[in-house]
């Protein structure tokens, strides 16, 4: 709802988190292995 939490910080998208992890641009849904990117899906990374 309010973003994606990663390492205790709230981020605007899965793609932004994927870029933080890898250093390169990624489609966040592809990077995290999620299908279609529906708004009801939630990813938790610790």
N, C-alpha and C. Protein backbone atom coordinates (compact mmCIF):
# COMPACT_ATOMS: atom_id res chain seq x y z
N UNK A 1 0.82 -1.19 0.00
CA UNK A 1 0.00 0.00 0.00
C UNK A 1 0.86 1.25 0.00
N UNK A 2 1.77 1.37 0.97
CA UNK A 2 2.59 2.57 1.07
C UNK A 2 3.95 2.42 0.42
N UNK A 3 4.22 1.29 -0.21
CA UNK A 3 5.50 1.05 -0.84
C UNK A 3 6.02 -0.33 -0.50
N UNK A 4 7.29 -0.53 -0.77
CA UNK A 4 7.96 -1.80 -0.54
C UNK A 4 9.01 -1.59 0.54
N UNK A 5 8.95 -2.39 1.59
CA UNK A 5 9.95 -2.27 2.65
C UNK A 5 11.14 -3.17 2.34
N UNK A 6 12.32 -2.57 2.38
CA UNK A 6 13.58 -3.30 2.16
C UNK A 6 14.62 -2.72 3.10
N UNK A 7 15.24 -3.58 3.89
CA UNK A 7 16.26 -3.18 4.86
C UNK A 7 15.79 -2.03 5.75
N UNK A 8 14.54 -2.12 6.20
CA UNK A 8 14.00 -1.14 7.12
C UNK A 8 13.59 0.19 6.51
N UNK A 9 13.72 0.32 5.18
CA UNK A 9 13.35 1.54 4.48
C UNK A 9 12.16 1.26 3.56
N UNK A 10 11.31 2.25 3.38
CA UNK A 10 10.17 2.13 2.49
C UNK A 10 10.55 2.69 1.12
N UNK A 11 10.32 1.91 0.07
CA UNK A 11 10.68 2.31 -1.30
C UNK A 11 9.45 2.30 -2.18
N UNK A 12 9.51 3.04 -3.28
CA UNK A 12 8.33 3.27 -4.11
C UNK A 12 7.94 2.10 -5.01
N UNK A 13 8.88 1.20 -5.33
CA UNK A 13 8.54 0.12 -6.26
C UNK A 13 9.48 -1.07 -6.11
N UNK A 14 9.03 -2.22 -6.62
CA UNK A 14 9.89 -3.40 -6.67
C UNK A 14 11.08 -3.16 -7.59
N UNK A 15 10.87 -2.43 -8.67
CA UNK A 15 11.97 -2.13 -9.59
C UNK A 15 13.06 -1.33 -8.91
N UNK A 16 12.68 -0.39 -8.06
CA UNK A 16 13.65 0.42 -7.33
C UNK A 16 14.46 -0.46 -6.37
N UNK A 17 13.79 -1.38 -5.69
CA UNK A 17 14.48 -2.28 -4.77
C UNK A 17 15.43 -3.21 -5.54
N UNK A 18 14.98 -3.73 -6.68
CA UNK A 18 15.83 -4.59 -7.50
C UNK A 18 17.08 -3.83 -7.94
N UNK A 19 16.93 -2.55 -8.28
CA UNK A 19 18.09 -1.75 -8.68
C UNK A 19 19.04 -1.53 -7.50
N UNK A 20 18.50 -1.33 -6.31
CA UNK A 20 19.36 -1.21 -5.12
C UNK A 20 20.17 -2.48 -4.89
N UNK A 21 19.55 -3.62 -5.10
CA UNK A 21 20.21 -4.90 -4.87
C UNK A 21 21.28 -5.18 -5.92
N UNK A 22 20.97 -4.91 -7.19
CA UNK A 22 21.87 -5.31 -8.28
C UNK A 22 22.74 -4.20 -8.83
N UNK A 23 22.30 -2.95 -8.66
CA UNK A 23 23.04 -1.83 -9.25
C UNK A 23 22.66 -1.55 -10.69
N UNK A 24 21.73 -2.35 -11.25
CA UNK A 24 21.29 -2.12 -12.62
C UNK A 24 19.76 -2.13 -12.66
N UNK A 25 19.22 -1.57 -13.74
CA UNK A 25 17.76 -1.49 -13.88
C UNK A 25 17.17 -2.87 -14.16
N UNK A 26 16.09 -3.19 -13.46
CA UNK A 26 15.37 -4.45 -13.61
C UNK A 26 13.88 -4.17 -13.56
N UNK A 27 13.10 -5.03 -14.19
CA UNK A 27 11.68 -5.05 -13.94
C UNK A 27 11.53 -5.76 -12.60
N UNK A 28 10.95 -5.10 -11.62
CA UNK A 28 10.86 -5.64 -10.27
C UNK A 28 10.11 -6.95 -10.19
N UNK A 29 9.03 -7.08 -10.95
CA UNK A 29 8.25 -8.31 -10.91
C UNK A 29 9.05 -9.47 -11.49
N UNK A 30 9.81 -9.23 -12.54
CA UNK A 30 10.66 -10.28 -13.10
C UNK A 30 11.77 -10.66 -12.13
N UNK A 31 12.42 -9.66 -11.55
CA UNK A 31 13.53 -9.90 -10.64
C UNK A 31 13.10 -10.76 -9.45
N UNK A 32 11.95 -10.47 -8.88
CA UNK A 32 11.47 -11.20 -7.71
C UNK A 32 10.65 -12.44 -8.07
N UNK A 33 10.53 -12.74 -9.38
CA UNK A 33 9.84 -13.95 -9.81
C UNK A 33 8.33 -13.91 -9.64
N UNK A 34 7.75 -12.72 -9.68
CA UNK A 34 6.31 -12.56 -9.56
C UNK A 34 5.69 -12.49 -10.94
N UNK A 35 4.49 -12.99 -11.09
CA UNK A 35 3.80 -12.94 -12.38
C UNK A 35 2.96 -11.68 -12.49
N UNK A 36 2.81 -11.15 -13.65
CA UNK A 36 1.88 -10.09 -14.03
C UNK A 36 1.92 -8.80 -13.20
N UNK A 37 2.42 -8.80 -11.99
CA UNK A 37 2.53 -7.58 -11.22
C UNK A 37 1.22 -7.01 -10.73
N UNK A 38 0.28 -7.85 -10.35
CA UNK A 38 -0.99 -7.35 -9.83
C UNK A 38 -0.81 -6.53 -8.57
N UNK A 39 -1.67 -5.55 -8.37
CA UNK A 39 -1.54 -4.62 -7.23
C UNK A 39 -1.76 -5.29 -5.89
N UNK A 40 -2.33 -6.48 -5.85
CA UNK A 40 -2.59 -7.18 -4.59
C UNK A 40 -1.40 -8.02 -4.14
N UNK A 41 -0.39 -8.17 -5.00
CA UNK A 41 0.78 -8.96 -4.64
C UNK A 41 1.67 -8.17 -3.71
N UNK A 42 2.33 -8.87 -2.80
CA UNK A 42 3.19 -8.22 -1.84
C UNK A 42 4.48 -9.01 -1.71
N UNK A 43 5.60 -8.34 -1.79
CA UNK A 43 6.90 -9.00 -1.62
C UNK A 43 7.54 -8.51 -0.34
N UNK A 44 8.10 -9.44 0.39
CA UNK A 44 8.81 -9.08 1.61
C UNK A 44 10.22 -9.60 1.48
N UNK A 45 11.18 -8.71 1.56
CA UNK A 45 12.58 -9.05 1.46
C UNK A 45 13.28 -8.61 2.72
N UNK A 46 14.03 -9.48 3.30
CA UNK A 46 14.75 -9.13 4.54
C UNK A 46 16.22 -9.30 4.37
